[in-house]
Amino acid sequence: MANIKNCLKKKNTIIYKMEQEFTKATRYNSISERNKTRPYSVRASLNNWAALAEELVDLKAKVHETNAKKGMLRSIFLLSELKNQAAKLKGLDCAEGVVTSRYDSTETVKHVEVNVLEKDAMLLALEARIEELEDKLDRFNHETIVEGV
């Protein structure tokens, strides 16, 4: 039995091991005819990679089932969307007034609907919601046991 926090750590370890196995396969599959010695078997690495993928899928399914049973999927999806919104909002152009082009030194007068102060306030509100959700999910992940792991 493991809590979700430990399952997520295990997931990252499996992903890392999968990357290592596939790197071995790609690095040592096609070698010089003069160098007939391979430090790793490509077939064995590919088999390990596939077995680790199965283990990863099983672990992800168990974590997902636990999250679904405990009603946490909405919070997980909302957190993802709020982070996406914050990232997009950070890139919102709020330049207004006379703006000089970097490329040809032309000047343009720009007007914004949402100014930089409003954008910053929106970002602060999003970041507060994100932090609140992360705290909720961290507590849940620490306290919740995943059956069969």
C-alpha atoms as a PDB file:
ATOM      1  CA  MET A   1       0.000   0.000   0.000  1.00  0.00           C
ATOM      2  CA  ALA A   2       1.256   3.446  -0.891  1.00  0.00           C
ATOM      3  CA  ASN A   3      -0.196   6.909  -0.717  1.00  0.00           C
ATOM      4  CA  ILE A   4      -0.757   8.912  -3.898  1.00  0.00           C
ATOM      5  CA  LYS A   5       2.285  11.071  -3.170  1.00  0.00           C
ATOM      6  CA  ASN A   6       4.532   7.991  -3.235  1.00  0.00           C
ATOM      7  CA  CYS A   7       2.756   6.630  -6.309  1.00  0.00           C
ATOM      8  CA  LEU A   8       3.506   9.867  -8.160  1.00  0.00           C
ATOM      9  CA  LYS A   9       7.174   9.552  -7.182  1.00  0.00           C
ATOM     10  CA  LYS A  10       7.143   5.948  -8.385  1.00  0.00           C
ATOM     11  CA  LYS A  11       5.539   7.084 -11.666  1.00  0.00           C
ATOM     12  CA  ASN A  12       8.399   9.520 -12.255  1.00  0.00           C
ATOM     13  CA  THR A  13      10.950   6.797 -11.474  1.00  0.00           C
ATOM     14  CA  ILE A  14       9.326   4.447 -13.982  1.00  0.00           C
ATOM     15  CA  ILE A  15       9.296   7.173 -16.644  1.00  0.00           C
ATOM     16  CA  TYR A  16      12.998   7.833 -16.001  1.00  0.00           C
ATOM     17  CA  LYS A  17      13.821   4.126 -16.297  1.00  0.00           C
ATOM     18  CA  MET A  18      11.816   3.918 -19.539  1.00  0.00           C
ATOM     19  CA  GLU A  19      13.819   6.802 -20.975  1.00  0.00           C
ATOM     20  CA  GLN A  20      17.062   5.059 -19.987  1.00  0.00           C
ATOM     21  CA  GLU A  21      16.026   1.799 -21.640  1.00  0.00           C
ATOM     22  CA  PHE A  22      14.965   3.486 -24.868  1.00  0.00           C
ATOM     23  CA  THR A  23      18.182   5.532 -24.912  1.00  0.00           C
ATOM     24  CA  LYS A  24      20.167   2.288 -24.714  1.00  0.00           C
ATOM     25  CA  ALA A  25      18.176   0.871 -27.616  1.00  0.00           C
ATOM     26  CA  THR A  26      18.655   3.927 -29.813  1.00  0.00           C
ATOM     27  CA  ARG A  27      22.308   4.370 -28.914  1.00  0.00           C
ATOM     28  CA  TYR A  28      23.400   0.760 -29.442  1.00  0.00           C
ATOM     29  CA  ASN A  29      21.051  -0.606 -32.108  1.00  0.00           C
ATOM     30  CA  SER A  30      23.041   0.567 -35.126  1.00  0.00           C
ATOM     31  CA  ILE A  31      26.754   0.286 -34.459  1.00  0.00           C
ATOM     32  CA  SER A  32      29.855   0.166 -36.593  1.00  0.00           C
ATOM     33  CA  GLU A  33      30.657  -3.164 -38.176  1.00  0.00           C
ATOM     34  CA  ARG A  34      34.121  -2.935 -36.629  1.00  0.00           C
ATOM     35  CA  ASN A  35      32.673  -2.569 -33.158  1.00  0.00           C
ATOM     36  CA  LYS A  36      30.767  -5.803 -32.651  1.00  0.00           C
ATOM     37  CA  THR A  37      30.537  -5.438 -28.898  1.00  0.00           C
ATOM     38  CA  ARG A  38      27.387  -3.869 -27.507  1.00  0.00           C
ATOM     39  CA  PRO A  39      27.361  -3.012 -23.799  1.00  0.00           C
ATOM     40  CA  TYR A  40      23.587  -3.603 -23.747  1.00  0.00           C
ATOM     41  CA  SER A  41      21.253  -5.874 -25.638  1.00  0.00           C
ATOM     42  CA  VAL A  42      18.892  -3.738 -27.695  1.00  0.00           C
ATOM     43  CA  ARG A  43      16.192  -6.411 -27.592  1.00  0.00           C
ATOM     44  CA  ALA A  44      16.469  -6.661 -23.808  1.00  0.00           C
ATOM     45  CA  SER A  45      16.276  -2.865 -23.489  1.00  0.00           C
ATOM     46  CA  LEU A  46      13.184  -2.732 -25.710  1.00  0.00           C
ATOM     47  CA  ASN A  47      11.583  -5.555 -23.707  1.00  0.00           C
ATOM     48  CA  ASN A  48      12.366  -3.731 -20.449  1.00  0.00           C
ATOM     49  CA  TRP A  49      10.967  -0.515 -21.934  1.00  0.00           C
ATOM     50  CA  ALA A  50       7.704  -2.271 -22.890  1.00  0.00           C
ATOM     51  CA  ALA A  51       7.422  -3.967 -19.466  1.00  0.00           C
ATOM     52  CA  LEU A  52       7.963  -0.652 -17.705  1.00  0.00           C
ATOM     53  CA  ALA A  53       5.239   0.889 -19.888  1.00  0.00           C
ATOM     54  CA  GLU A  54       2.814  -1.794 -18.687  1.00  0.00           C
ATOM     55  CA  GLU A  55       3.810  -1.093 -15.077  1.00  0.00           C
ATOM     56  CA  LEU A  56       3.320   2.634 -15.660  1.00  0.00           C
ATOM     57  CA  VAL A  57      -0.137   2.129 -17.153  1.00  0.00           C
ATOM     58  CA  ASP A  58      -1.194  -0.050 -14.202  1.00  0.00           C
ATOM     59  CA  LEU A  59       0.047   2.525 -11.700  1.00  0.00           C
ATOM     60  CA  LYS A  60      -1.601   5.443 -13.521  1.00  0.00           C
ATOM     61  CA  ALA A  61      -4.884   3.533 -13.706  1.00  0.00           C
ATOM     62  CA  LYS A  62      -4.849   2.793  -9.964  1.00  0.00           C
ATOM     63  CA  VAL A  63      -4.095   6.415  -9.093  1.00  0.00           C
ATOM     64  CA  HIS A  64      -6.770   7.635 -11.507  1.00  0.00           C
ATOM     65  CA  GLU A  65      -9.346   5.198 -10.085  1.00  0.00           C
ATOM     66  CA  THR A  66      -8.528   6.355  -6.555  1.00  0.00           C
ATOM     67  CA  ASN A  67      -8.851  10.011  -7.549  1.00  0.00           C
ATOM     68  CA  ALA A  68     -12.162   9.288  -9.276  1.00  0.00           C
ATOM     69  CA  LYS A  69     -13.582   7.339  -6.310  1.00  0.00           C
ATOM     70  CA  LYS A  70     -12.638  10.125  -3.912  1.00  0.00           C
ATOM     71  CA  GLY A  71     -14.024  12.906  -6.130  1.00  0.00           C
ATOM     72  CA  MET A  72     -10.728  14.634  -6.892  1.00  0.00           C
ATOM     73  CA  LEU A  73     -10.739  14.607 -10.707  1.00  0.00           C
ATOM     74  CA  ARG A  74     -12.434  18.002 -10.977  1.00  0.00           C
ATOM     75  CA  SER A  75      -9.804  19.585  -8.726  1.00  0.00           C
ATOM     76  CA  ILE A  76      -6.994  17.979 -10.729  1.00  0.00           C
ATOM     77  CA  PHE A  77      -8.419  19.133 -14.061  1.00  0.00           C
ATOM     78  CA  LEU A  78      -9.197  22.602 -12.686  1.00  0.00           C
ATOM     79  CA  LEU A  79      -5.631  22.987 -11.429  1.00  0.00           C
ATOM     80  CA  SER A  80      -4.301  22.129 -14.862  1.00  0.00           C
ATOM     81  CA  GLU A  81      -6.589  24.633 -16.566  1.00  0.00           C
ATOM     82  CA  LEU A  82      -5.815  27.410 -14.089  1.00  0.00           C
ATOM     83  CA  LYS A  83      -2.084  26.907 -14.663  1.00  0.00           C
ATOM     84  CA  ASN A  84      -2.689  27.041 -18.410  1.00  0.00           C
ATOM     85  CA  GLN A  85      -4.725  30.239 -18.025  1.00  0.00           C
ATOM     86  CA  ALA A  86      -1.991  31.859 -15.927  1.00  0.00           C
ATOM     87  CA  ALA A  87       0.682  30.957 -18.479  1.00  0.00           C
ATOM     88  CA  LYS A  88      -1.391  32.378 -21.346  1.00  0.00           C
ATOM     89  CA  LEU A  89      -2.348  35.499 -19.411  1.00  0.00           C
ATOM     90  CA  LYS A  90       1.310  36.264 -18.669  1.00  0.00           C
ATOM     91  CA  GLY A  91       1.818  36.642 -22.429  1.00  0.00           C
ATOM     92  CA  LEU A  92      -1.084  39.067 -22.931  1.00  0.00           C
ATOM     93  CA  ASP A  93       0.229  42.228 -24.602  1.00  0.00           C
ATOM     94  CA  CYS A  94      -0.668  45.219 -22.433  1.00  0.00           C
ATOM     95  CA  ALA A  95       1.488  47.814 -24.183  1.00  0.00           C
ATOM     96  CA  GLU A  96      -0.410  51.054 -24.610  1.00  0.00           C
ATOM     97  CA  GLY A  97       0.308  54.591 -25.700  1.00  0.00           C
ATOM     98  CA  VAL A  98       3.086  55.336 -28.190  1.00  0.00           C
ATOM     99  CA  VAL A  99       4.975  52.107 -28.873  1.00  0.00           C
ATOM    100  CA  THR A 100       8.119  51.991 -31.036  1.00  0.00           C
ATOM    101  CA  SER A 101       8.752  48.889 -33.129  1.00  0.00           C
ATOM    102  CA  ARG A 102      12.015  47.095 -32.379  1.00  0.00           C
ATOM    103  CA  TYR A 103      12.560  46.240 -36.021  1.00  0.00           C
ATOM    104  CA  ASP A 104      11.969  49.384 -38.034  1.00  0.00           C
ATOM    105  CA  SER A 105      11.572  52.130 -35.399  1.00  0.00           C
ATOM    106  CA  THR A 106       8.024  52.956 -36.491  1.00  0.00           C
ATOM    107  CA  GLU A 107       5.712  54.343 -33.863  1.00  0.00           C
ATOM    108  CA  THR A 108       2.190  53.127 -33.218  1.00  0.00           C
ATOM    109  CA  VAL A 109      -0.351  54.418 -30.751  1.00  0.00           C
ATOM    110  CA  LYS A 110      -1.921  51.463 -28.973  1.00  0.00           C
ATOM    111  CA  HIS A 111      -5.009  51.218 -26.819  1.00  0.00           C
ATOM    112  CA  VAL A 112      -5.753  48.272 -24.512  1.00  0.00           C
ATOM    113  CA  GLU A 113      -8.959  46.991 -23.038  1.00  0.00           C
ATOM    114  CA  VAL A 114      -7.166  45.184 -20.198  1.00  0.00           C
ATOM    115  CA  ASN A 115      -4.217  47.157 -18.840  1.00  0.00           C
ATOM    116  CA  VAL A 116      -1.148  45.784 -17.090  1.00  0.00           C
ATOM    117  CA  LEU A 117      -2.552  46.479 -13.608  1.00  0.00           C
ATOM    118  CA  GLU A 118      -5.710  44.518 -14.394  1.00  0.00           C
ATOM    119  CA  LYS A 119      -3.656  41.695 -15.885  1.00  0.00           C
ATOM    120  CA  ASP A 120      -1.468  41.568 -12.775  1.00  0.00           C
ATOM    121  CA  ALA A 121      -4.555  41.483 -10.533  1.00  0.00           C
ATOM    122  CA  MET A 122      -6.020  38.657 -12.618  1.00  0.00           C
ATOM    123  CA  LEU A 123      -2.736  36.740 -12.323  1.00  0.00           C
ATOM    124  CA  LEU A 124      -2.662  37.213  -8.548  1.00  0.00           C
ATOM    125  CA  ALA A 125      -6.199  35.853  -8.274  1.00  0.00           C
ATOM    126  CA  LEU A 126      -5.330  32.853 -10.469  1.00  0.00           C
ATOM    127  CA  GLU A 127      -2.154  32.172  -8.490  1.00  0.00           C
ATOM    128  CA  ALA A 128      -4.115  32.257  -5.222  1.00  0.00           C
ATOM    129  CA  ARG A 129      -6.626  29.716  -6.586  1.00  0.00           C
ATOM    130  CA  ILE A 130      -3.758  27.562  -7.878  1.00  0.00           C
ATOM    131  CA  GLU A 131      -2.023  27.601  -4.502  1.00  0.00           C
ATOM    132  CA  GLU A 132      -5.273  26.722  -2.717  1.00  0.00           C
ATOM    133  CA  LEU A 133      -5.886  23.771  -5.040  1.00  0.00           C
ATOM    134  CA  GLU A 134      -2.271  22.597  -4.788  1.00  0.00           C
ATOM    135  CA  ASP A 135      -2.508  22.611  -0.982  1.00  0.00           C
ATOM    136  CA  LYS A 136      -5.772  20.637  -1.132  1.00  0.00           C
ATOM    137  CA  LEU A 137      -4.275  18.097  -3.556  1.00  0.00           C
ATOM    138  CA  ASP A 138      -1.028  17.813  -1.560  1.00  0.00           C
ATOM    139  CA  ARG A 139      -3.016  16.943   1.585  1.00  0.00           C
ATOM    140  CA  PHE A 140      -5.132  14.458  -0.353  1.00  0.00           C
ATOM    141  CA  ASN A 141      -2.087  12.862  -2.001  1.00  0.00           C
ATOM    142  CA  HIS A 142      -0.373  12.466   1.362  1.00  0.00           C
ATOM    143  CA  GLU A 143      -3.416  11.049   3.164  1.00  0.00           C
ATOM    144  CA  THR A 144      -4.957   8.841   0.489  1.00  0.00           C
ATOM    145  CA  ILE A 145      -3.867   5.225   0.087  1.00  0.00           C
ATOM    146  CA  VAL A 146      -3.895   3.563  -3.335  1.00  0.00           C
ATOM    147  CA  GLU A 147      -5.024  -0.062  -3.151  1.00  0.00           C
ATOM    148  CA  GLY A 148      -2.791  -2.662  -4.749  1.00  0.00           C
ATOM    149  CA  VAL A 149       0.414  -0.618  -4.896  1.00  0.00           C
END
